Amino acid sequence: QMLTQRGASNAKAKRELGFTPRFPSHREGFPAVFGA
């Protein structure tokens, strides 16, 4: 999995559900979760 796993696009959820993540990526999310 570390070598071959594919990522997923959220374009459909954004378009049809109106989904906008508060944390667009781990870059913002990980520090926020761990207080960094």
Full PDB file with SEQRES, HELIX, SHEET, SSBOND, CRYST1, ORIGX, SCALE, CONECT and MASTER records, all heavy atoms in Angstrom:
SEQRES   1 A   36  GLN MET LEU THR GLN ARG GLY ALA SER ASN ALA LYS ALA          
SEQRES   2 A   36  LYS ARG GLU LEU GLY PHE THR PRO ARG PHE PRO SER HIS          
SEQRES   3 A   36  ARG GLU GLY PHE PRO ALA VAL PHE GLY ALA                      
HELIX    1 AA1 ALA A   11  LYS A   12  1                                   2    
HELIX    2 AA2 ALA A   13  LEU A   17  3                                   5    
HELIX    3 AA3 HIS A   26  VAL A   33  1                                   8    
CRYST1    1.000    1.000    1.000  90.00  90.00  90.00 P 1           1          
ORIGX1      1.000000  0.000000  0.000000        0.00000                         
ORIGX2      0.000000  1.000000  0.000000        0.00000                         
ORIGX3      0.000000  0.000000  1.000000        0.00000                         
SCALE1      1.000000  0.000000  0.000000        0.00000                         
SCALE2      0.000000  1.000000  0.000000        0.00000                         
SCALE3      0.000000  0.000000  1.000000        0.00000                         
ATOM      1  N   GLN A   1       0.823  -1.203   0.000  1.00  0.00           N  
ATOM      2  CA  GLN A   1       0.000   0.000   0.000  1.00  0.00           C  
ATOM      3  C   GLN A   1       0.861   1.257   0.000  1.00  0.00           C  
ATOM      4  O   GLN A   1       0.513   2.270  -0.619  1.00  0.00           O  
ATOM      5  CB  GLN A   1      -0.898  -0.030   1.232  1.00  0.00           C  
ATOM      6  CG  GLN A   1      -1.861   1.127   1.372  1.00  0.00           C  
ATOM      7  CD  GLN A   1      -2.675   0.986   2.646  1.00  0.00           C  
ATOM      8  OE1 GLN A   1      -2.157   0.930   3.747  1.00  0.00           O  
ATOM      9  NE2 GLN A   1      -3.975   0.917   2.494  1.00  0.00           N  
ATOM     10  N   MET A   2       1.976   1.211   0.680  1.00  0.00           N  
ATOM     11  CA  MET A   2       2.866   2.357   0.754  1.00  0.00           C  
ATOM     12  C   MET A   2       3.449   2.713  -0.617  1.00  0.00           C  
ATOM     13  O   MET A   2       3.898   3.819  -0.845  1.00  0.00           O  
ATOM     14  CB  MET A   2       4.015   2.073   1.726  1.00  0.00           C  
ATOM     15  CG  MET A   2       3.598   1.923   3.167  1.00  0.00           C  
ATOM     16  SD  MET A   2       3.176   3.511   3.920  1.00  0.00           S  
ATOM     17  CE  MET A   2       2.985   3.029   5.636  1.00  0.00           C  
ATOM     18  N   LEU A   3       3.452   1.730  -1.511  1.00  0.00           N  
ATOM     19  CA  LEU A   3       4.087   1.908  -2.803  1.00  0.00           C  
ATOM     20  C   LEU A   3       3.098   2.149  -3.941  1.00  0.00           C  
ATOM     21  O   LEU A   3       3.430   2.828  -4.919  1.00  0.00           O  
ATOM     22  CB  LEU A   3       4.940   0.676  -3.138  1.00  0.00           C  
ATOM     23  CG  LEU A   3       6.076   0.350  -2.178  1.00  0.00           C  
ATOM     24  CD1 LEU A   3       6.680  -0.996  -2.532  1.00  0.00           C  
ATOM     25  CD2 LEU A   3       7.132   1.433  -2.230  1.00  0.00           C  
ATOM     26  N   THR A   4       1.909   1.555  -3.839  1.00  0.00           N  
ATOM     27  CA  THR A   4       1.009   1.514  -4.998  1.00  0.00           C  
ATOM     28  C   THR A   4      -0.350   2.164  -4.794  1.00  0.00           C  
ATOM     29  O   THR A   4      -1.110   2.295  -5.746  1.00  0.00           O  
ATOM     30  CB  THR A   4       0.779   0.060  -5.424  1.00  0.00           C  
ATOM     31  OG1 THR A   4       0.140  -0.654  -4.358  1.00  0.00           O  
ATOM     32  CG2 THR A   4       2.093  -0.631  -5.757  1.00  0.00           C  
ATOM     33  N   GLN A   5      -0.685   2.536  -3.573  1.00  0.00           N  
ATOM     34  CA  GLN A   5      -2.034   3.045  -3.313  1.00  0.00           C  
ATOM     35  C   GLN A   5      -2.331   4.325  -4.086  1.00  0.00           C  
ATOM     36  O   GLN A   5      -1.504   5.222  -4.168  1.00  0.00           O  
ATOM     37  CB  GLN A   5      -2.203   3.317  -1.819  1.00  0.00           C  
ATOM     38  CG  GLN A   5      -3.591   3.842  -1.465  1.00  0.00           C  
ATOM     39  CD  GLN A   5      -3.836   3.741   0.003  1.00  0.00           C  
ATOM     40  OE1 GLN A   5      -4.217   2.697   0.505  1.00  0.00           O  
ATOM     41  NE2 GLN A   5      -3.576   4.817   0.708  1.00  0.00           N  
ATOM     42  N   ARG A   6      -3.544   4.380  -4.630  1.00  0.00           N  
ATOM     43  CA  ARG A   6      -3.997   5.566  -5.358  1.00  0.00           C  
ATOM     44  C   ARG A   6      -4.798   6.485  -4.447  1.00  0.00           C  
ATOM     45  O   ARG A   6      -5.519   6.028  -3.569  1.00  0.00           O  
ATOM     46  CB  ARG A   6      -4.860   5.154  -6.545  1.00  0.00           C  
ATOM     47  CG  ARG A   6      -4.132   4.980  -7.873  1.00  0.00           C  
ATOM     48  CD  ARG A   6      -2.895   4.151  -7.779  1.00  0.00           C  
ATOM     49  NE  ARG A   6      -2.184   4.107  -9.067  1.00  0.00           N  
ATOM     50  CZ  ARG A   6      -0.999   3.561  -9.238  1.00  0.00           C  
ATOM     51  NH1 ARG A   6      -0.355   3.020  -8.231  1.00  0.00           N  
ATOM     52  NH2 ARG A   6      -0.424   3.571 -10.435  1.00  0.00           N  
ATOM     53  N   GLY A   7      -4.673   7.783  -4.697  1.00  0.00           N  
ATOM     54  CA  GLY A   7      -5.444   8.769  -3.960  1.00  0.00           C  
ATOM     55  C   GLY A   7      -6.779   9.032  -4.640  1.00  0.00           C  
ATOM     56  O   GLY A   7      -7.017   8.615  -5.785  1.00  0.00           O  
ATOM     57  N   ALA A   8      -7.657   9.735  -3.945  1.00  0.00           N  
ATOM     58  CA  ALA A   8      -9.010   9.990  -4.440  1.00  0.00           C  
ATOM     59  C   ALA A   8      -9.255  11.486  -4.608  1.00  0.00           C  
ATOM     60  O   ALA A   8      -8.812  12.297  -3.788  1.00  0.00           O  
ATOM     61  CB  ALA A   8     -10.042   9.405  -3.472  1.00  0.00           C  
ATOM     62  N   SER A   9      -9.981  11.827  -5.642  1.00  0.00           N  
ATOM     63  CA  SER A   9     -10.360  13.212  -5.911  1.00  0.00           C  
ATOM     64  C   SER A   9     -11.687  13.541  -5.245  1.00  0.00           C  
ATOM     65  O   SER A   9     -12.628  12.747  -5.293  1.00  0.00           O  
ATOM     66  CB  SER A   9     -10.485  13.433  -7.423  1.00  0.00           C  
ATOM     67  OG  SER A   9     -11.149  14.647  -7.711  1.00  0.00           O  
ATOM     68  N   ASN A  10     -11.778  14.731  -4.642  1.00  0.00           N  
ATOM     69  CA  ASN A  10     -13.030  15.158  -4.008  1.00  0.00           C  
ATOM     70  C   ASN A  10     -13.843  16.114  -4.884  1.00  0.00           C  
ATOM     71  O   ASN A  10     -14.781  16.759  -4.403  1.00  0.00           O  
ATOM     72  CB  ASN A  10     -12.757  15.807  -2.652  1.00  0.00           C  
ATOM     73  CG  ASN A  10     -11.948  17.099  -2.768  1.00  0.00           C  
ATOM     74  OD1 ASN A  10     -11.731  17.643  -3.855  1.00  0.00           O  
ATOM     75  ND2 ASN A  10     -11.486  17.607  -1.625  1.00  0.00           N  
ATOM     76  N   ALA A  11     -13.508  16.200  -6.172  1.00  0.00           N  
ATOM     77  CA  ALA A  11     -14.160  17.179  -7.053  1.00  0.00           C  
ATOM     78  C   ALA A  11     -15.671  16.983  -7.107  1.00  0.00           C  
ATOM     79  O   ALA A  11     -16.441  17.952  -7.107  1.00  0.00           O  
ATOM     80  CB  ALA A  11     -13.560  17.103  -8.456  1.00  0.00           C  
ATOM     81  N   LYS A  12     -16.122  15.735  -7.152  1.00  0.00           N  
ATOM     82  CA  LYS A  12     -17.567  15.480  -7.240  1.00  0.00           C  
ATOM     83  C   LYS A  12     -18.276  15.914  -5.969  1.00  0.00           C  
ATOM     84  O   LYS A  12     -19.350  16.533  -6.026  1.00  0.00           O  
ATOM     85  CB  LYS A  12     -17.828  13.999  -7.513  1.00  0.00           C  
ATOM     86  CG  LYS A  12     -19.303  13.651  -7.664  1.00  0.00           C  
ATOM     87  CD  LYS A  12     -19.503  12.168  -7.933  1.00  0.00           C  
ATOM     88  CE  LYS A  12     -20.972  11.821  -8.031  1.00  0.00           C  
ATOM     89  NZ  LYS A  12     -21.182  10.358  -8.247  1.00  0.00           N  
ATOM     90  N   ALA A  13     -17.712  15.598  -4.817  1.00  0.00           N  
ATOM     91  CA  ALA A  13     -18.335  16.007  -3.556  1.00  0.00           C  
ATOM     92  C   ALA A  13     -18.395  17.527  -3.440  1.00  0.00           C  
ATOM     93  O   ALA A  13     -19.365  18.089  -2.924  1.00  0.00           O  
ATOM     94  CB  ALA A  13     -17.582  15.414  -2.369  1.00  0.00           C  
ATOM     95  N   LYS A  14     -17.363  18.197  -3.915  1.00  0.00           N  
ATOM     96  CA  LYS A  14     -17.383  19.660  -3.906  1.00  0.00           C  
ATOM     97  C   LYS A  14     -18.479  20.195  -4.817  1.00  0.00           C  
ATOM     98  O   LYS A  14     -19.223  21.115  -4.457  1.00  0.00           O  
ATOM     99  CB  LYS A  14     -16.019  20.198  -4.351  1.00  0.00           C  
ATOM    100  CG  LYS A  14     -14.932  20.096  -3.308  1.00  0.00           C  
ATOM    101  CD  LYS A  14     -13.682  20.826  -3.778  1.00  0.00           C  
ATOM    102  CE  LYS A  14     -12.728  21.068  -2.636  1.00  0.00           C  
ATOM    103  NZ  LYS A  14     -11.567  21.882  -3.045  1.00  0.00           N  
ATOM    104  N   ARG A  15     -18.579  19.600  -5.978  1.00  0.00           N  
ATOM    105  CA  ARG A  15     -19.510  20.090  -6.989  1.00  0.00           C  
ATOM    106  C   ARG A  15     -20.964  19.779  -6.630  1.00  0.00           C  
ATOM    107  O   ARG A  15     -21.840  20.636  -6.762  1.00  0.00           O  
ATOM    108  CB  ARG A  15     -19.150  19.448  -8.331  1.00  0.00           C  
ATOM    109  CG  ARG A  15     -20.004  19.897  -9.512  1.00  0.00           C  
ATOM    110  CD  ARG A  15     -19.512  19.276 -10.797  1.00  0.00           C  
ATOM    111  NE  ARG A  15     -19.663  17.821 -10.821  1.00  0.00           N  
ATOM    112  CZ  ARG A  15     -18.650  16.953 -10.772  1.00  0.00           C  
ATOM    113  NH1 ARG A  15     -17.408  17.390 -10.679  1.00  0.00           N  
ATOM    114  NH2 ARG A  15     -18.879  15.645 -10.803  1.00  0.00           N  
ATOM    115  N   GLU A  16     -21.244  18.579  -6.168  1.00  0.00           N  
ATOM    116  CA  GLU A  16     -22.627  18.145  -6.004  1.00  0.00           C  
ATOM    117  C   GLU A  16     -23.135  18.214  -4.565  1.00  0.00           C  
ATOM    118  O   GLU A  16     -24.340  18.332  -4.341  1.00  0.00           O  
ATOM    119  CB  GLU A  16     -22.795  16.731  -6.555  1.00  0.00           C  
ATOM    120  CG  GLU A  16     -22.469  16.645  -8.043  1.00  0.00           C  
ATOM    121  CD  GLU A  16     -22.781  15.293  -8.651  1.00  0.00           C  
ATOM    122  OE1 GLU A  16     -23.557  14.526  -8.045  1.00  0.00           O  
ATOM    123  OE2 GLU A  16     -22.254  14.999  -9.734  1.00  0.00           O  
ATOM    124  N   LEU A  17     -22.235  18.120  -3.597  1.00  0.00           N  
ATOM    125  CA  LEU A  17     -22.650  18.232  -2.191  1.00  0.00           C  
ATOM    126  C   LEU A  17     -22.352  19.607  -1.606  1.00  0.00           C  
ATOM    127  O   LEU A  17     -22.858  19.944  -0.534  1.00  0.00           O  
ATOM    128  CB  LEU A  17     -21.956  17.169  -1.337  1.00  0.00           C  
ATOM    129  CG  LEU A  17     -22.202  15.699  -1.682  1.00  0.00           C  
ATOM    130  CD1 LEU A  17     -21.438  14.810  -0.701  1.00  0.00           C  
ATOM    131  CD2 LEU A  17     -23.678  15.365  -1.682  1.00  0.00           C  
ATOM    132  N   GLY A  18     -21.519  20.380  -2.286  1.00  0.00           N  
ATOM    133  CA  GLY A  18     -21.090  21.654  -1.731  1.00  0.00           C  
ATOM    134  C   GLY A  18     -20.063  21.486  -0.633  1.00  0.00           C  
ATOM    135  O   GLY A  18     -19.925  22.344   0.252  1.00  0.00           O  
ATOM    136  N   PHE A  19     -19.296  20.398  -0.690  1.00  0.00           N  
ATOM    137  CA  PHE A  19     -18.311  20.078   0.333  1.00  0.00           C  
ATOM    138  C   PHE A  19     -17.064  20.948   0.188  1.00  0.00           C  
ATOM    139  O   PHE A  19     -16.460  21.017  -0.882  1.00  0.00           O  
ATOM    140  CB  PHE A  19     -17.925  18.607   0.231  1.00  0.00           C  
ATOM    141  CG  PHE A  19     -16.808  18.168   1.122  1.00  0.00           C  
ATOM    142  CD1 PHE A  19     -16.873  18.374   2.492  1.00  0.00           C  
ATOM    143  CD2 PHE A  19     -15.692  17.512   0.598  1.00  0.00           C  
ATOM    144  CE1 PHE A  19     -15.843  17.956   3.328  1.00  0.00           C  
ATOM    145  CE2 PHE A  19     -14.661  17.084   1.422  1.00  0.00           C  
ATOM    146  CZ  PHE A  19     -14.740  17.305   2.788  1.00  0.00           C  
ATOM    147  N   THR A  20     -16.703  21.635   1.262  1.00  0.00           N  
ATOM    148  CA  THR A  20     -15.461  22.408   1.309  1.00  0.00           C  
ATOM    149  C   THR A  20     -14.762  22.079   2.621  1.00  0.00           C  
ATOM    150  O   THR A  20     -15.191  22.515   3.692  1.00  0.00           O  
ATOM    151  CB  THR A  20     -15.731  23.922   1.238  1.00  0.00           C  
ATOM    152  OG1 THR A  20     -16.451  24.228   0.043  1.00  0.00           O  
ATOM    153  CG2 THR A  20     -14.422  24.700   1.251  1.00  0.00           C  
ATOM    154  N   PRO A  21     -13.704  21.249   2.578  1.00  0.00           N  
ATOM    155  CA  PRO A  21     -13.064  20.866   3.835  1.00  0.00           C  
ATOM    156  C   PRO A  21     -12.459  22.056   4.572  1.00  0.00           C  
ATOM    157  O   PRO A  21     -11.820  22.917   3.962  1.00  0.00           O  
ATOM    158  CB  PRO A  21     -11.983  19.867   3.403  1.00  0.00           C  
ATOM    159  CG  PRO A  21     -11.756  20.142   1.956  1.00  0.00           C  
ATOM    160  CD  PRO A  21     -13.043  20.649   1.408  1.00  0.00           C  
ATOM    161  N   ARG A  22     -12.670  22.087   5.862  1.00  0.00           N  
ATOM    162  CA  ARG A  22     -12.057  23.119   6.688  1.00  0.00           C  
ATOM    163  C   ARG A  22     -10.538  22.987   6.653  1.00  0.00           C  
ATOM    164  O   ARG A  22      -9.810  23.987   6.683  1.00  0.00           O  
ATOM    165  CB  ARG A  22     -12.563  22.981   8.126  1.00  0.00           C  
ATOM    166  CG  ARG A  22     -11.923  23.946   9.113  1.00  0.00           C  
ATOM    167  CD  ARG A  22     -12.363  23.631  10.524  1.00  0.00           C  
ATOM    168  NE  ARG A  22     -11.632  24.407  11.515  1.00  0.00           N  
ATOM    169  CZ  ARG A  22     -11.570  24.111  12.812  1.00  0.00           C  
ATOM    170  NH1 ARG A  22     -12.227  23.053  13.280  1.00  0.00           N  
ATOM    171  NH2 ARG A  22     -10.887  24.859  13.643  1.00  0.00           N  
ATOM    172  N   PHE A  23     -10.076  21.745   6.594  1.00  0.00           N  
ATOM    173  CA  PHE A  23      -8.642  21.478   6.492  1.00  0.00           C  
ATOM    174  C   PHE A  23      -8.374  20.932   5.093  1.00  0.00           C  
ATOM    175  O   PHE A  23      -8.583  19.741   4.839  1.00  0.00           O  
ATOM    176  CB  PHE A  23      -8.207  20.472   7.557  1.00  0.00           C  
ATOM    177  CG  PHE A  23      -8.410  20.974   8.963  1.00  0.00           C  
ATOM    178  CD1 PHE A  23      -9.474  20.524   9.730  1.00  0.00           C  
ATOM    179  CD2 PHE A  23      -7.541  21.906   9.508  1.00  0.00           C  
ATOM    180  CE1 PHE A  23      -9.667  20.990  11.022  1.00  0.00           C  
ATOM    181  CE2 PHE A  23      -7.722  22.380  10.807  1.00  0.00           C  
ATOM    182  CZ  PHE A  23      -8.790  21.928  11.560  1.00  0.00           C  
ATOM    183  N   PRO A  24      -7.908  21.774   4.162  1.00  0.00           N  
ATOM    184  CA  PRO A  24      -7.729  21.343   2.779  1.00  0.00           C  
ATOM    185  C   PRO A  24      -6.698  20.236   2.606  1.00  0.00           C  
ATOM    186  O   PRO A  24      -6.752  19.497   1.630  1.00  0.00           O  
ATOM    187  CB  PRO A  24      -7.273  22.626   2.062  1.00  0.00           C  
ATOM    188  CG  PRO A  24      -7.720  23.746   2.943  1.00  0.00           C  
ATOM    189  CD  PRO A  24      -7.644  23.215   4.332  1.00  0.00           C  
ATOM    190  N   SER A  25      -5.755  20.129   3.542  1.00  0.00           N  
ATOM    191  CA  SER A  25      -4.764  19.071   3.451  1.00  0.00           C  
ATOM    192  C   SER A  25      -4.170  18.804   4.829  1.00  0.00           C  
ATOM    193  O   SER A  25      -4.443  19.518   5.797  1.00  0.00           O  
ATOM    194  CB  SER A  25      -3.646  19.457   2.470  1.00  0.00           C  
ATOM    195  OG  SER A  25      -2.716  20.318   3.097  1.00  0.00           O  
ATOM    196  N   HIS A  26      -3.321  17.780   4.883  1.00  0.00           N  
ATOM    197  CA  HIS A  26      -2.615  17.462   6.123  1.00  0.00           C  
ATOM    198  C   HIS A  26      -1.712  18.607   6.565  1.00  0.00           C  
ATOM    199  O   HIS A  26      -1.377  18.717   7.741  1.00  0.00           O  
ATOM    200  CB  HIS A  26      -1.761  16.211   5.911  1.00  0.00           C  
ATOM    201  CG  HIS A  26      -0.588  16.445   5.006  1.00  0.00           C  
ATOM    202  ND1 HIS A  26      -0.717  16.596   3.645  1.00  0.00           N  
ATOM    203  CD2 HIS A  26       0.745  16.603   5.277  1.00  0.00           C  
ATOM    204  CE1 HIS A  26       0.465  16.817   3.109  1.00  0.00           C  
ATOM    205  NE2 HIS A  26       1.374  16.827   4.063  1.00  0.00           N  
ATOM    206  N   ARG A  27      -1.321  19.472   5.626  1.00  0.00           N  
ATOM    207  CA  ARG A  27      -0.408  20.559   5.961  1.00  0.00           C  
ATOM    208  C   ARG A  27      -1.014  21.478   7.019  1.00  0.00           C  
ATOM    209  O   ARG A  27      -0.317  21.976   7.903  1.00  0.00           O  
ATOM    210  CB  ARG A  27      -0.053  21.362   4.714  1.00  0.00           C  
ATOM    211  CG  ARG A  27       0.621  20.551   3.628  1.00  0.00           C  
ATOM    212  CD  ARG A  27       0.841  21.373   2.370  1.00  0.00           C  
ATOM    213  NE  ARG A  27       1.197  20.545   1.234  1.00  0.00           N  
ATOM    214  CZ  ARG A  27       2.411  20.073   0.998  1.00  0.00           C  
ATOM    215  NH1 ARG A  27       3.397  20.381   1.827  1.00  0.00           N  
ATOM    216  NH2 ARG A  27       2.652  19.311  -0.061  1.00  0.00           N  
ATOM    217  N   GLU A  28      -2.314  21.731   6.911  1.00  0.00           N  
ATOM    218  CA  GLU A  28      -3.010  22.539   7.914  1.00  0.00           C  
ATOM    219  C   GLU A  28      -3.567  21.668   9.044  1.00  0.00           C  
ATOM    220  O   GLU A  28      -3.591  22.060  10.204  1.00  0.00           O  
ATOM    221  CB  GLU A  28      -4.172  23.303   7.276  1.00  0.00           C  
ATOM    222  CG  GLU A  28      -3.790  24.243   6.142  1.00  0.00           C  
ATOM    223  CD  GLU A  28      -3.718  23.544   4.798  1.00  0.00           C  
ATOM    224  OE1 GLU A  28      -4.146  22.366   4.707  1.00  0.00           O  
ATOM    225  OE2 GLU A  28      -3.228  24.164   3.837  1.00  0.00           O  
ATOM    226  N   GLY A  29      -4.013  20.462   8.658  1.00  0.00           N  
ATOM    227  CA  GLY A  29      -4.730  19.633   9.615  1.00  0.00           C  
ATOM    228  C   GLY A  29      -3.872  19.022  10.694  1.00  0.00           C  
ATOM    229  O   GLY A  29      -4.226  19.070  11.883  1.00  0.00           O  
ATOM    230  N   PHE A  30      -2.737  18.409  10.332  1.00  0.00           N  
ATOM    231  CA  PHE A  30      -1.915  17.752  11.345  1.00  0.00           C  
ATOM    232  C   PHE A  30      -1.448  18.743  12.426  1.00  0.00           C  
ATOM    233  O   PHE A  30      -1.583  18.449  13.622  1.00  0.00           O  
ATOM    234  CB  PHE A  30      -0.703  17.071  10.704  1.00  0.00           C  
ATOM    235  CG  PHE A  30      -1.020  15.820   9.915  1.00  0.00           C  
ATOM    236  CD1 PHE A  30      -0.031  15.186   9.182  1.00  0.00           C  
ATOM    237  CD2 PHE A  30      -2.292  15.261   9.911  1.00  0.00           C  
ATOM    238  CE1 PHE A  30      -0.301  14.025   8.458  1.00  0.00           C  
ATOM    239  CE2 PHE A  30      -2.586  14.116   9.196  1.00  0.00           C  
ATOM    240  CZ  PHE A  30      -1.576  13.503   8.463  1.00  0.00           C  
ATOM    241  N   PRO A  31      -0.896  19.894  12.063  1.00  0.00           N  
ATOM    242  CA  PRO A  31      -0.488  20.836  13.113  1.00  0.00           C  
ATOM    243  C   PRO A  31      -1.647  21.291  13.986  1.00  0.00           C  
ATOM    244  O   PRO A  31      -1.486  21.479  15.202  1.00  0.00           O  
ATOM    245  CB  PRO A  31       0.123  22.000  12.332  1.00  0.00           C  
ATOM    246  CG  PRO A  31       0.557  21.404  11.033  1.00  0.00           C  
ATOM    247  CD  PRO A  31      -0.479  20.373  10.721  1.00  0.00           C  
ATOM    248  N   ALA A  32      -2.821  21.486  13.384  1.00  0.00           N  
ATOM    249  CA  ALA A  32      -3.980  21.922  14.172  1.00  0.00           C  
ATOM    250  C   ALA A  32      -4.391  20.869  15.185  1.00  0.00           C  
ATOM    251  O   ALA A  32      -4.720  21.165  16.343  1.00  0.00           O  
ATOM    252  CB  ALA A  32      -5.145  22.258  13.242  1.00  0.00           C  
ATOM    253  N   VAL A  33      -4.358  19.601  14.780  1.00  0.00           N  
ATOM    254  CA  VAL A  33      -4.777  18.520  15.662  1.00  0.00           C  
ATOM    255  C   VAL A  33      -3.815  18.346  16.827  1.00  0.00           C  
ATOM    256  O   VAL A  33      -4.228  18.084  17.959  1.00  0.00           O  
ATOM    257  CB  VAL A  33      -4.896  17.203  14.847  1.00  0.00           C  
ATOM    258  CG1 VAL A  33      -5.021  15.999  15.783  1.00  0.00           C  
ATOM    259  CG2 VAL A  33      -6.102  17.268  13.913  1.00  0.00           C  
ATOM    260  N   PHE A  34      -2.527  18.499  16.551  1.00  0.00           N  
ATOM    261  CA  PHE A  34      -1.516  18.260  17.583  1.00  0.00           C  
ATOM    262  C   PHE A  34      -0.960  19.534  18.217  1.00  0.00           C  
ATOM    263  O   PHE A  34       0.038  19.491  18.938  1.00  0.00           O  
ATOM    264  CB  PHE A  34      -0.383  17.413  17.003  1.00  0.00           C  
ATOM    265  CG  PHE A  34      -0.796  15.989  16.744  1.00  0.00           C  
ATOM    266  CD1 PHE A  34      -1.237  15.611  15.483  1.00  0.00           C  
ATOM    267  CD2 PHE A  34      -0.773  15.049  17.749  1.00  0.00           C  
ATOM    268  CE1 PHE A  34      -1.639  14.303  15.237  1.00  0.00           C  
ATOM    269  CE2 PHE A  34      -1.161  13.749  17.501  1.00  0.00           C  
ATOM    270  CZ  PHE A  34      -1.601  13.368  16.254  1.00  0.00           C  
ATOM    271  N   GLY A  35      -1.620  20.658  17.961  1.00  0.00           N  
ATOM    272  CA  GLY A  35      -1.241  21.896  18.613  1.00  0.00           C  
ATOM    273  C   GLY A  35       0.078  22.467  18.171  1.00  0.00           C  
ATOM    274  O   GLY A  35       0.694  23.246  18.893  1.00  0.00           O  
ATOM    275  N   ALA A  36       0.493  22.101  16.928  1.00  0.00           N  
ATOM    276  CA  ALA A  36       1.777  22.595  16.448  1.00  0.00           C  
ATOM    277  C   ALA A  36       1.631  23.776  15.523  1.00  0.00           C  
ATOM    278  O   ALA A  36       2.619  24.309  15.019  1.00  0.00           O  
ATOM    279  CB  ALA A  36       2.530  21.471  15.700  1.00  0.00           C  
TER     280      ALA A  36                                                      
MASTER        0    0    0    3    0    0    0    6  279    1    0    3          
END                                                                             
